Amino acid sequence: MVKRPAETAAQVKVRMPKQLQRTIERAADESGQTINAEILRRLESGYQSDALVAGLLDADSAPLLRVIAQAMYLARDWPGDRSKTLPIAIKTIVDTYFGVSLPPAETEEEKSGRDLADVALVSGGFRRAVTERSRISTNEPHELYYVARKYGVSVDAVRRVIQRVGNTRNKVRAVLDKTDNEGASKNERSGTQAKE
């Protein structure tokens, strides 16, 4: 085995799900490469595709395309009829990105498509910032959607709460914890303001 100078090759230990490990091993076998070479190839191509997407699109729409691509990738192994589930997932992702409130899912395909969209939004990194900050950005539709889904309220209800108490996550959480399933607190329905 050829030793490489320390500055040209870093050794990194990575934890991953067993299923992902098996997927990488199969891909390495199919391409005739080592597992290490397959991982490096995938990482490099991911950064290259990010750069390509960023070059083709403006900075605002590149994350949207990335999450749609993630949904398409995940749909390969998703249970159910992909021809029905994937379009629902893509529409859900686009609606979420633009802050459109979604009506409740009525069919199993709609539920499955929305679940696929949720997984793609999280695994595509679209929602990562939601858990990392103490404030909710009203300029980030996915943050509003995340909070709305978490509490079972509409995006508009989240916006109203933010207008009333500010965008600090703890204050919004305190109000939404008292919110019923219709998306409006008792005070909002009656038209009175809550005293702080």
N, C-alpha and C. Protein backbone atom coordinates (compact mmCIF):
# COMPACT_ATOMS: atom_id res chain seq x y z
N MET A 1 0.84 -1.18 0.00
CA MET A 1 0.00 0.00 0.00
C MET A 1 0.89 1.24 0.00
N VAL A 2 0.55 2.19 -0.84
CA VAL A 2 1.33 3.42 -0.97
C VAL A 2 0.89 4.39 0.10
N LYS A 3 1.83 4.92 0.83
CA LYS A 3 1.51 5.92 1.85
C LYS A 3 1.48 7.30 1.20
N ARG A 4 0.45 8.05 1.53
CA ARG A 4 0.32 9.41 1.02
C ARG A 4 0.74 10.39 2.11
N PRO A 5 1.31 11.51 1.70
CA PRO A 5 1.64 12.53 2.71
C PRO A 5 0.37 12.98 3.44
N ALA A 6 0.52 13.30 4.69
CA ALA A 6 -0.63 13.66 5.52
C ALA A 6 -1.41 14.85 4.97
N GLU A 7 -0.73 15.77 4.29
CA GLU A 7 -1.45 16.96 3.80
C GLU A 7 -2.29 16.68 2.56
N THR A 8 -2.12 15.54 1.89
CA THR A 8 -2.91 15.27 0.69
C THR A 8 -4.08 14.34 0.95
N ALA A 9 -4.07 13.59 2.03
CA ALA A 9 -5.16 12.66 2.31
C ALA A 9 -5.51 12.69 3.79
N ALA A 10 -6.73 13.08 4.07
CA ALA A 10 -7.21 13.08 5.46
C ALA A 10 -8.02 11.83 5.71
N GLN A 11 -7.91 11.28 6.88
CA GLN A 11 -8.69 10.11 7.24
C GLN A 11 -9.84 10.57 8.11
N VAL A 12 -11.08 10.21 7.71
CA VAL A 12 -12.27 10.64 8.41
C VAL A 12 -13.13 9.41 8.71
N LYS A 13 -13.56 9.28 9.94
CA LYS A 13 -14.49 8.21 10.30
C LYS A 13 -15.90 8.76 10.23
N VAL A 14 -16.79 8.00 9.62
CA VAL A 14 -18.15 8.46 9.40
C VAL A 14 -19.13 7.38 9.87
N ARG A 15 -20.15 7.80 10.61
CA ARG A 15 -21.24 6.89 10.97
C ARG A 15 -22.34 7.06 9.94
N MET A 16 -22.93 5.93 9.52
CA MET A 16 -24.02 6.00 8.55
C MET A 16 -24.97 4.85 8.79
N PRO A 17 -26.21 4.99 8.34
CA PRO A 17 -27.16 3.89 8.46
C PRO A 17 -26.69 2.68 7.67
N LYS A 18 -27.02 1.49 8.15
CA LYS A 18 -26.61 0.24 7.48
C LYS A 18 -27.12 0.20 6.04
N GLN A 19 -28.34 0.68 5.82
CA GLN A 19 -28.90 0.66 4.47
C GLN A 19 -28.05 1.51 3.52
N LEU A 20 -27.60 2.66 3.97
CA LEU A 20 -26.74 3.51 3.14
C LEU A 20 -25.41 2.82 2.88
N GLN A 21 -24.88 2.17 3.88
CA GLN A 21 -23.62 1.44 3.70
C GLN A 21 -23.78 0.36 2.63
N ARG A 22 -24.89 -0.39 2.68
CA ARG A 22 -25.13 -1.44 1.66
C ARG A 22 -25.29 -0.82 0.27
N THR A 23 -25.96 0.32 0.20
CA THR A 23 -26.13 1.00 -1.08
C THR A 23 -24.78 1.41 -1.66
N ILE A 24 -23.91 1.96 -0.82
CA ILE A 24 -22.58 2.36 -1.27
C ILE A 24 -21.77 1.14 -1.71
N GLU A 25 -21.85 0.07 -0.94
CA GLU A 25 -21.12 -1.15 -1.30
C GLU A 25 -21.57 -1.70 -2.64
N ARG A 26 -22.90 -1.72 -2.88
CA ARG A 26 -23.42 -2.19 -4.18
C ARG A 26 -22.94 -1.29 -5.32
N ALA A 27 -23.00 0.02 -5.10
CA ALA A 27 -22.56 0.95 -6.14
C ALA A 27 -21.06 0.77 -6.43
N ALA A 28 -20.26 0.54 -5.39
CA ALA A 28 -18.82 0.33 -5.57
C ALA A 28 -18.58 -0.96 -6.36
N ASP A 29 -19.33 -2.02 -6.03
CA ASP A 29 -19.19 -3.28 -6.78
C ASP A 29 -19.56 -3.10 -8.25
N GLU A 30 -20.68 -2.40 -8.50
CA GLU A 30 -21.13 -2.19 -9.87
C GLU A 30 -20.15 -1.36 -10.69
N SER A 31 -19.50 -0.39 -10.04
CA SER A 31 -18.56 0.47 -10.77
C SER A 31 -17.13 -0.07 -10.76
N GLY A 32 -16.91 -1.15 -10.00
CA GLY A 32 -15.57 -1.75 -9.95
C GLY A 32 -14.57 -0.91 -9.17
N GLN A 33 -15.06 -0.15 -8.20
CA GLN A 33 -14.20 0.71 -7.40
C GLN A 33 -14.21 0.25 -5.95
N THR A 34 -13.29 0.77 -5.18
CA THR A 34 -13.32 0.52 -3.75
C THR A 34 -14.44 1.35 -3.14
N ILE A 35 -14.82 0.99 -1.94
CA ILE A 35 -15.85 1.76 -1.24
C ILE A 35 -15.38 3.19 -1.03
N ASN A 36 -14.13 3.35 -0.64
CA ASN A 36 -13.57 4.68 -0.44
C ASN A 36 -13.65 5.52 -1.73
N ALA A 37 -13.27 4.93 -2.84
CA ALA A 37 -13.31 5.64 -4.13
C ALA A 37 -14.74 6.01 -4.51
N GLU A 38 -15.68 5.11 -4.22
CA GLU A 38 -17.09 5.39 -4.52
C GLU A 38 -17.61 6.55 -3.68
N ILE A 39 -17.28 6.57 -2.40
CA ILE A 39 -17.71 7.66 -1.52
C ILE A 39 -17.12 8.99 -1.99
N LEU A 40 -15.82 9.00 -2.32
CA LEU A 40 -15.18 10.22 -2.81
C LEU A 40 -15.82 10.70 -4.11
N ARG A 41 -16.10 9.77 -5.01
CA ARG A 41 -16.72 10.13 -6.29
C ARG A 41 -18.09 10.77 -6.05
N ARG A 42 -18.87 10.16 -5.16
CA ARG A 42 -20.21 10.70 -4.86
C ARG A 42 -20.13 12.08 -4.20
N LEU A 43 -19.21 12.24 -3.26
CA LEU A 43 -19.05 13.55 -2.61
C LEU A 43 -18.64 14.62 -3.61
N GLU A 44 -17.65 14.30 -4.43
CA GLU A 44 -17.18 15.28 -5.42
C GLU A 44 -18.27 15.63 -6.41
N SER A 45 -19.03 14.62 -6.87
CA SER A 45 -20.09 14.91 -7.84
C SER A 45 -21.20 15.73 -7.20
N GLY A 46 -21.44 15.52 -5.90
CA GLY A 46 -22.45 16.32 -5.21
C GLY A 46 -22.06 17.79 -5.16
N TYR A 47 -20.80 18.06 -4.85
CA TYR A 47 -20.34 19.45 -4.83
C TYR A 47 -20.32 20.05 -6.23
N GLN A 48 -19.97 19.24 -7.23
CA GLN A 48 -19.97 19.74 -8.60
C GLN A 48 -21.39 20.05 -9.04
N SER A 49 -22.35 19.18 -8.70
CA SER A 49 -23.73 19.45 -9.10
C SER A 49 -24.29 20.67 -8.37
N ASP A 50 -23.90 20.85 -7.11
CA ASP A 50 -24.32 22.06 -6.38
C ASP A 50 -23.81 23.31 -7.08
N ALA A 51 -22.55 23.28 -7.51
CA ALA A 51 -21.97 24.42 -8.21
C ALA A 51 -22.67 24.65 -9.55
N LEU A 52 -22.99 23.54 -10.24
CA LEU A 52 -23.69 23.66 -11.53
C LEU A 52 -25.07 24.26 -11.34
N VAL A 53 -25.80 23.73 -10.36
CA VAL A 53 -27.15 24.25 -10.09
C VAL A 53 -27.08 25.72 -9.70
N ALA A 54 -26.14 26.06 -8.83
CA ALA A 54 -26.01 27.46 -8.40
C ALA A 54 -25.66 28.36 -9.58
N GLY A 55 -24.88 27.85 -10.54
CA GLY A 55 -24.53 28.64 -11.71
C GLY A 55 -25.70 28.82 -12.67
N LEU A 56 -26.59 27.82 -12.72
CA LEU A 56 -27.73 27.89 -13.64
C LEU A 56 -28.90 28.68 -13.08
N LEU A 57 -29.04 28.64 -11.77
CA LEU A 57 -30.19 29.26 -11.13
C LEU A 57 -29.75 30.36 -10.19
N ASP A 58 -30.68 31.22 -9.85
CA ASP A 58 -30.35 32.22 -8.85
C ASP A 58 -30.28 31.53 -7.48
N ALA A 59 -29.69 32.18 -6.54
CA ALA A 59 -29.44 31.58 -5.23
C ALA A 59 -30.72 31.20 -4.51
N ASP A 60 -31.83 31.87 -4.82
CA ASP A 60 -33.09 31.57 -4.14
C ASP A 60 -33.73 30.27 -4.61
N SER A 61 -33.59 29.94 -5.89
CA SER A 61 -34.27 28.75 -6.40
C SER A 61 -33.41 27.50 -6.41
N ALA A 62 -32.10 27.62 -6.20
CA ALA A 62 -31.24 26.44 -6.18
C ALA A 62 -31.62 25.46 -5.07
N PRO A 63 -31.93 25.92 -3.83
CA PRO A 63 -32.34 24.97 -2.80
C PRO A 63 -33.63 24.24 -3.16
N LEU A 64 -34.54 24.92 -3.83
CA LEU A 64 -35.81 24.29 -4.24
C LEU A 64 -35.54 23.14 -5.19
N LEU A 65 -34.70 23.37 -6.19
CA LEU A 65 -34.38 22.32 -7.15
C LEU A 65 -33.66 21.16 -6.46
N ARG A 66 -32.81 21.47 -5.52
CA ARG A 66 -32.08 20.42 -4.79
C ARG A 66 -33.05 19.52 -4.03
N VAL A 67 -34.06 20.11 -3.39
CA VAL A 67 -35.03 19.31 -2.62
C VAL A 67 -35.92 18.50 -3.55
N ILE A 68 -36.29 19.05 -4.70
CA ILE A 68 -37.08 18.29 -5.67
C ILE A 68 -36.26 17.10 -6.17
N ALA A 69 -34.99 17.32 -6.44
CA ALA A 69 -34.12 16.21 -6.86
C ALA A 69 -34.01 15.16 -5.76
N GLN A 70 -33.96 15.60 -4.52
CA GLN A 70 -33.91 14.66 -3.39
C GLN A 70 -35.18 13.83 -3.35
N ALA A 71 -36.33 14.45 -3.57
CA ALA A 71 -37.60 13.72 -3.58
C ALA A 71 -37.61 12.68 -4.71
N MET A 72 -37.09 13.07 -5.87
CA MET A 72 -37.04 12.13 -6.99
C MET A 72 -36.14 10.95 -6.67
N TYR A 73 -35.05 11.22 -5.98
CA TYR A 73 -34.14 10.15 -5.58
C TYR A 73 -34.81 9.23 -4.57
N LEU A 74 -35.45 9.81 -3.56
CA LEU A 74 -36.11 9.03 -2.52
C LEU A 74 -37.29 8.22 -3.07
N ALA A 75 -37.94 8.74 -4.10
CA ALA A 75 -39.13 8.08 -4.66
C ALA A 75 -38.80 6.71 -5.24
N ARG A 76 -37.55 6.49 -5.58
CA ARG A 76 -37.18 5.18 -6.16
C ARG A 76 -37.53 4.04 -5.22
N ASP A 77 -37.34 4.24 -3.93
CA ASP A 77 -37.59 3.19 -2.94
C ASP A 77 -38.84 3.45 -2.10
N TRP A 78 -39.61 4.46 -2.48
CA TRP A 78 -40.78 4.83 -1.68
C TRP A 78 -41.91 3.84 -1.94
N PRO A 79 -42.62 3.41 -0.88
CA PRO A 79 -43.73 2.46 -1.11
C PRO A 79 -44.88 3.12 -1.87
N GLY A 80 -45.59 2.32 -2.62
CA GLY A 80 -46.74 2.83 -3.35
C GLY A 80 -46.41 3.14 -4.80
N ASP A 81 -47.37 3.72 -5.47
CA ASP A 81 -47.25 4.04 -6.89
C ASP A 81 -46.50 5.34 -7.07
N ARG A 82 -45.27 5.25 -7.54
CA ARG A 82 -44.42 6.44 -7.69
C ARG A 82 -45.01 7.44 -8.67
N SER A 83 -45.74 6.97 -9.69
CA SER A 83 -46.31 7.88 -10.68
C SER A 83 -47.39 8.78 -10.07
N LYS A 84 -47.96 8.37 -8.94
CA LYS A 84 -48.96 9.20 -8.25
C LYS A 84 -48.34 9.97 -7.08
N THR A 85 -47.41 9.32 -6.38
CA THR A 85 -46.84 9.91 -5.17
C THR A 85 -45.87 11.05 -5.48
N LEU A 86 -45.00 10.86 -6.47
CA LEU A 86 -43.97 11.85 -6.76
C LEU A 86 -44.54 13.21 -7.19
N PRO A 87 -45.52 13.27 -8.09
CA PRO A 87 -46.07 14.60 -8.43
C PRO A 87 -46.67 15.33 -7.23
N ILE A 88 -47.31 14.58 -6.33
CA ILE A 88 -47.87 15.19 -5.13
C ILE A 88 -46.74 15.73 -4.25
N ALA A 89 -45.66 14.94 -4.14
CA ALA A 89 -44.51 15.39 -3.33
C ALA A 89 -43.91 16.66 -3.91
N ILE A 90 -43.74 16.71 -5.22
CA ILE A 90 -43.14 17.89 -5.86
C ILE A 90 -44.03 19.11 -5.66
N LYS A 91 -45.33 18.94 -5.84
CA LYS A 91 -46.25 20.06 -5.62
C LYS A 91 -46.20 20.54 -4.16
N THR A 92 -46.13 19.59 -3.23
CA THR A 92 -46.03 19.94 -1.81
C THR A 92 -44.75 20.72 -1.52
N ILE A 93 -43.65 20.30 -2.11
CA ILE A 93 -42.37 20.98 -1.92
C ILE A 93 -42.44 22.41 -2.45
N VAL A 94 -42.98 22.57 -3.66
CA VAL A 94 -43.08 23.90 -4.26
C VAL A 94 -44.01 24.79 -3.43
N ASP A 95 -45.16 24.24 -3.02
CA ASP A 95 -46.09 25.02 -2.20
C ASP A 95 -45.45 25.43 -0.88
N THR A 96 -44.71 24.51 -0.28
CA THR A 96 -44.02 24.81 0.97
C THR A 96 -43.00 25.92 0.76
N TYR A 97 -42.25 25.84 -0.31
CA TYR A 97 -41.23 26.83 -0.61
C TYR A 97 -41.83 28.23 -0.73
N PHE A 98 -43.02 28.31 -1.36
CA PHE A 98 -43.65 29.61 -1.57
C PHE A 98 -44.65 29.98 -0.48
N GLY A 99 -44.72 29.15 0.59
CA GLY A 99 -45.55 29.49 1.74
C GLY A 99 -47.03 29.29 1.54
N VAL A 100 -47.43 28.41 0.62
CA VAL A 100 -48.85 28.15 0.38
C VAL A 100 -49.36 27.18 1.43
N SER A 101 -50.49 27.51 2.06
CA SER A 101 -51.10 26.61 3.04
C SER A 101 -51.72 25.43 2.30
N LEU A 102 -51.50 24.24 2.83
CA LEU A 102 -52.01 23.04 2.20
C LEU A 102 -53.24 22.53 2.93
N PRO A 103 -54.28 22.14 2.17
CA PRO A 103 -55.44 21.53 2.84
C PRO A 103 -55.05 20.15 3.34
N PRO A 104 -55.82 19.58 4.25
CA PRO A 104 -55.49 18.23 4.73
C PRO A 104 -55.50 17.22 3.59
N ALA A 105 -54.59 16.25 3.67
CA ALA A 105 -54.54 15.20 2.65
C ALA A 105 -55.78 14.33 2.78
N GLU A 106 -56.38 14.02 1.63
CA GLU A 106 -57.62 13.24 1.64
C GLU A 106 -57.40 11.78 1.26
N THR A 107 -56.48 11.50 0.36
CA THR A 107 -56.28 10.13 -0.10
C THR A 107 -54.96 9.58 0.44
N GLU A 108 -54.80 8.28 0.33
CA GLU A 108 -53.54 7.65 0.75
C GLU A 108 -52.38 8.14 -0.11
N GLU A 109 -52.63 8.36 -1.42
CA GLU A 109 -51.56 8.88 -2.29
C GLU A 109 -51.12 10.26 -1.84
N GLU A 110 -52.09 11.12 -1.46
CA GLU A 110 -51.74 12.45 -0.98
C GLU A 110 -50.93 12.37 0.31
N LYS A 111 -51.33 11.50 1.23
CA LYS A 111 -50.59 11.34 2.48
C LYS A 111 -49.17 10.85 2.20
N SER A 112 -49.06 9.86 1.32
CA SER A 112 -47.75 9.32 0.99
C SER A 112 -46.88 10.36 0.29
N GLY A 113 -47.48 11.13 -0.62
CA GLY A 113 -46.74 12.19 -1.32
C GLY A 113 -46.26 13.27 -0.37
N ARG A 114 -47.09 13.64 0.59
CA ARG A 114 -46.69 14.65 1.57
C ARG A 114 -45.60 14.12 2.49
N ASP A 115 -45.71 12.85 2.85
CA ASP A 115 -44.65 12.24 3.68
C ASP A 115 -43.33 12.24 2.92
N LEU A 116 -43.38 11.89 1.64
CA LEU A 116 -42.18 11.91 0.81
C LEU A 116 -41.60 13.32 0.76
N ALA A 117 -42.46 14.31 0.59
CA ALA A 117 -42.01 15.71 0.55
C ALA A 117 -41.35 16.10 1.88
N ASP A 118 -41.95 15.68 3.00
CA ASP A 118 -41.38 16.00 4.31
C ASP A 118 -39.98 15.42 4.46
N VAL A 119 -39.81 14.16 4.05
CA VAL A 119 -38.50 13.52 4.16
C VAL A 119 -37.50 14.23 3.25
N ALA A 120 -37.92 14.59 2.04
CA ALA A 120 -37.02 15.29 1.11
C ALA A 120 -36.65 16.66 1.65
N LEU A 121 -37.59 17.37 2.25
CA LEU A 121 -37.30 18.70 2.80
C LEU A 121 -36.28 18.61 3.92
N VAL A 122 -36.40 17.60 4.75
CA VAL A 122 -35.46 17.44 5.86
C VAL A 122 -34.11 16.93 5.36
N SER A 123 -34.13 15.85 4.56
CA SER A 123 -32.87 15.26 4.13
C SER A 123 -32.16 16.12 3.09
N GLY A 124 -32.89 16.97 2.40
CA GLY A 124 -32.27 17.88 1.45
C GLY A 124 -31.68 19.11 2.11
N GLY A 125 -31.80 19.20 3.42
CA GLY A 125 -31.21 20.33 4.15
C GLY A 125 -32.07 21.57 4.13
N PHE A 126 -33.27 21.49 3.60
CA PHE A 126 -34.13 22.64 3.45
C PHE A 126 -34.63 23.14 4.80
N ARG A 127 -34.73 22.24 5.77
CA ARG A 127 -35.27 22.63 7.07
C ARG A 127 -34.22 22.68 8.15
N ARG A 128 -32.99 22.43 7.83
CA ARG A 128 -31.95 22.34 8.85
C ARG A 128 -31.90 23.60 9.73
N ALA A 129 -32.01 24.76 9.13
CA ALA A 129 -31.89 26.01 9.89
C ALA A 129 -33.00 26.18 10.91
N VAL A 130 -34.12 25.49 10.73
CA VAL A 130 -35.24 25.63 11.64
C VAL A 130 -34.84 25.24 13.06
N THR A 131 -34.08 24.19 13.21
CA THR A 131 -33.73 23.71 14.54
C THR A 131 -32.47 24.39 15.08
N GLU A 132 -31.78 25.18 14.27
CA GLU A 132 -30.52 25.75 14.69
C GLU A 132 -30.62 27.18 15.19
N ARG A 133 -31.77 27.81 15.07
CA ARG A 133 -31.86 29.20 15.44
C ARG A 133 -32.96 29.42 16.47
N SER A 134 -32.83 30.48 17.23
CA SER A 134 -33.81 30.76 18.26
C SER A 134 -34.94 31.63 17.73
N ARG A 135 -34.81 32.11 16.49
CA ARG A 135 -35.85 32.94 15.89
C ARG A 135 -36.38 32.29 14.62
N ILE A 136 -37.63 32.55 14.32
CA ILE A 136 -38.26 32.03 13.10
C ILE A 136 -38.16 33.11 12.04
N SER A 137 -37.59 32.77 10.91
CA SER A 137 -37.47 33.73 9.83
C SER A 137 -38.75 33.74 9.02
N THR A 138 -39.42 34.88 8.99
CA THR A 138 -40.65 34.98 8.20
C THR A 138 -40.36 35.06 6.71
N ASN A 139 -39.10 35.23 6.35
CA ASN A 139 -38.71 35.25 4.94
C ASN A 139 -38.39 33.86 4.41
N GLU A 140 -38.43 32.85 5.26
CA GLU A 140 -38.12 31.48 4.87
C GLU A 140 -39.39 30.65 4.96
N PRO A 141 -40.07 30.42 3.81
CA PRO A 141 -41.34 29.68 3.84
C PRO A 141 -41.24 28.31 4.50
N HIS A 142 -40.09 27.64 4.32
CA HIS A 142 -39.98 26.30 4.90
C HIS A 142 -39.97 26.35 6.42
N GLU A 143 -39.50 27.44 7.02
CA GLU A 143 -39.53 27.55 8.47
C GLU A 143 -40.96 27.72 8.96
N LEU A 144 -41.71 28.57 8.27
CA LEU A 144 -43.12 28.76 8.63
C LEU A 144 -43.89 27.45 8.48
N TYR A 145 -43.62 26.75 7.39
CA TYR A 145 -44.29 25.48 7.13
C TYR A 145 -43.94 24.46 8.21
N TYR A 146 -42.68 24.40 8.58
CA TYR A 146 -42.23 23.47 9.62
C TYR A 146 -42.99 23.72 10.92
N VAL A 147 -43.07 24.97 11.33
CA VAL A 147 -43.76 25.30 12.58
C VAL A 147 -45.25 24.98 12.45
N ALA A 148 -45.83 25.31 11.30
CA ALA A 148 -47.26 25.03 11.08
C ALA A 148 -47.54 23.53 11.16
N ARG A 149 -46.70 22.74 10.51
CA ARG A 149 -46.89 21.28 10.54
C ARG A 149 -46.70 20.72 11.95
N LYS A 150 -45.72 21.24 12.64
CA LYS A 150 -45.41 20.74 13.99
C LYS A 150 -46.59 20.93 14.93
N TYR A 151 -47.29 22.06 14.80
CA TYR A 151 -48.39 22.37 15.71
C TYR A 151 -49.76 22.12 15.10
N GLY A 152 -49.81 21.65 13.86
CA GLY A 152 -51.08 21.34 13.24
C GLY A 152 -51.93 22.56 12.95
N VAL A 153 -51.27 23.67 12.59
CA VAL A 153 -51.97 24.91 12.28
C VAL A 153 -51.60 25.34 10.87
N SER A 154 -52.25 26.37 10.38
CA SER A 154 -51.93 26.87 9.05
C SER A 154 -50.71 27.81 9.12
N VAL A 155 -50.09 28.02 7.97
CA VAL A 155 -48.97 28.95 7.88
C VAL A 155 -49.45 30.36 8.23
N ASP A 156 -50.67 30.70 7.81
CA ASP A 156 -51.23 32.01 8.13
C ASP A 156 -51.38 32.20 9.64
N ALA A 157 -51.77 31.13 10.34
CA ALA A 157 -51.89 31.22 11.80
C ALA A 157 -50.53 31.48 12.44
N VAL A 158 -49.49 30.84 11.91
CA VAL A 158 -48.14 31.07 12.43
C VAL A 158 -47.74 32.52 12.20
N ARG A 159 -48.04 33.04 11.00
CA ARG A 159 -47.71 34.45 10.71
C ARG A 159 -48.43 35.40 11.68
N ARG A 160 -49.71 35.10 11.96
CA ARG A 160 -50.47 35.97 12.89
C ARG A 160 -49.84 35.94 14.29
N VAL A 161 -49.44 34.76 14.72
CA VAL A 161 -48.81 34.65 16.04
C VAL A 161 -47.51 35.44 16.07
N ILE A 162 -46.71 35.34 15.01
CA ILE A 162 -45.44 36.07 14.93
C ILE A 162 -45.69 37.57 14.94
N GLN A 163 -46.71 38.02 14.23
CA GLN A 163 -47.04 39.45 14.24
C GLN A 163 -47.41 39.92 15.64
N ARG A 164 -48.06 39.04 16.39
CA ARG A 164 -48.54 39.41 17.71
C ARG A 164 -47.45 39.36 18.78
N VAL A 165 -46.61 38.29 18.79
CA VAL A 165 -45.65 38.11 19.88
C VAL A 165 -44.19 38.24 19.45
N GLY A 166 -43.95 38.43 18.16
CA GLY A 166 -42.57 38.49 17.67
C GLY A 166 -42.12 37.13 17.15
N ASN A 167 -40.91 37.08 16.61
CA ASN A 167 -40.46 35.85 15.95
C ASN A 167 -39.55 34.98 16.81
N THR A 168 -39.49 35.24 18.11
CA THR A 168 -38.71 34.39 18.99
C THR A 168 -39.40 33.03 19.09
N ARG A 169 -38.66 31.98 18.82
CA ARG A 169 -39.22 30.63 18.75
C ARG A 169 -39.94 30.24 20.05
N ASN A 170 -39.38 30.57 21.19
CA ASN A 170 -40.00 30.19 22.46
C ASN A 170 -41.34 30.89 22.68
N LYS A 171 -41.44 32.16 22.30
CA LYS A 171 -42.71 32.88 22.45
C LYS A 171 -43.77 32.30 21.52
N VAL A 172 -43.37 32.02 20.28
CA VAL A 172 -44.31 31.43 19.31
C VAL A 172 -44.76 30.06 19.81
N ARG A 173 -43.81 29.28 20.32
CA ARG A 173 -44.13 27.94 20.83
C ARG A 173 -45.13 28.04 21.99
N ALA A 174 -44.93 29.00 22.88
CA ALA A 174 -45.82 29.15 24.03
C ALA A 174 -47.26 29.43 23.59
N VAL A 175 -47.41 30.26 22.56
CA VAL A 175 -48.76 30.57 22.07
C VAL A 175 -49.34 29.37 21.34
N LEU A 176 -48.54 28.73 20.50
CA LEU A 176 -49.06 27.61 19.71
C LEU A 176 -49.34 26.37 20.56
N ASP A 177 -48.67 26.26 21.69
CA ASP A 177 -48.99 25.15 22.60
C ASP A 177 -50.41 25.27 23.12
N LYS A 178 -50.92 26.50 23.17
CA LYS A 178 -52.29 26.74 23.65
C LYS A 178 -53.30 26.76 22.50
N THR A 179 -52.84 26.49 21.29
CA THR A 179 -53.68 26.61 20.09
C THR A 179 -54.44 25.31 19.83
N ASP A 180 -55.67 25.46 19.37
CA ASP A 180 -56.44 24.25 19.04
C ASP A 180 -56.14 23.80 17.62
N ASN A 181 -56.76 22.76 17.15
CA ASN A 181 -56.49 22.16 15.84
C ASN A 181 -56.94 23.02 14.67
N GLU A 182 -57.77 24.03 14.91
CA GLU A 182 -58.23 24.87 13.81
C GLU A 182 -57.22 25.93 13.42
N GLY A 183 -56.15 26.08 14.19
CA GLY A 183 -55.11 27.02 13.83
C GLY A 183 -55.28 28.40 14.40
N ALA A 184 -56.29 28.63 15.22
CA ALA A 184 -56.46 29.94 15.83
C ALA A 184 -56.64 29.74 17.32
N SER A 185 -55.92 30.51 18.10
CA SER A 185 -56.07 30.40 19.55
C SER A 185 -57.44 30.95 19.93
N LYS A 186 -57.86 30.65 21.14
CA LYS A 186 -59.17 31.13 21.60
C LYS A 186 -59.23 32.65 21.52
N ASN A 187 -58.13 33.32 21.87
CA ASN A 187 -58.11 34.78 21.80
C ASN A 187 -58.22 35.28 20.38
N GLU A 188 -57.55 34.61 19.43
CA GLU A 188 -57.62 35.05 18.03
C GLU A 188 -59.04 34.87 17.49
N ARG A 189 -59.71 33.77 17.86
CA ARG A 189 -61.07 33.53 17.36
C ARG A 189 -62.04 34.55 17.91
N SER A 190 -61.84 34.94 19.16
CA SER A 190 -62.76 35.90 19.77
C SER A 190 -62.39 37.34 19.43
N GLY A 191 -61.19 37.53 18.84
CA GLY A 191 -60.78 38.87 18.45
C GLY A 191 -60.08 39.65 19.54
N THR A 192 -59.88 39.03 20.70
CA THR A 192 -59.18 39.75 21.79
C THR A 192 -57.70 39.44 21.73
N GLN A 193 -56.92 40.30 22.28
CA GLN A 193 -55.48 40.12 22.34
C GLN A 193 -55.08 39.49 23.66
N ALA A 194 -54.13 38.55 23.59
CA ALA A 194 -53.62 37.94 24.82
C ALA A 194 -52.70 38.94 25.52
N LYS A 195 -52.80 39.01 26.83
CA LYS A 195 -51.93 39.89 27.60
C LYS A 195 -50.65 39.15 27.92
N GLU A 196 -49.54 39.84 27.77
CA GLU A 196 -48.24 39.23 28.07
C GLU A 196 -47.69 39.78 29.35
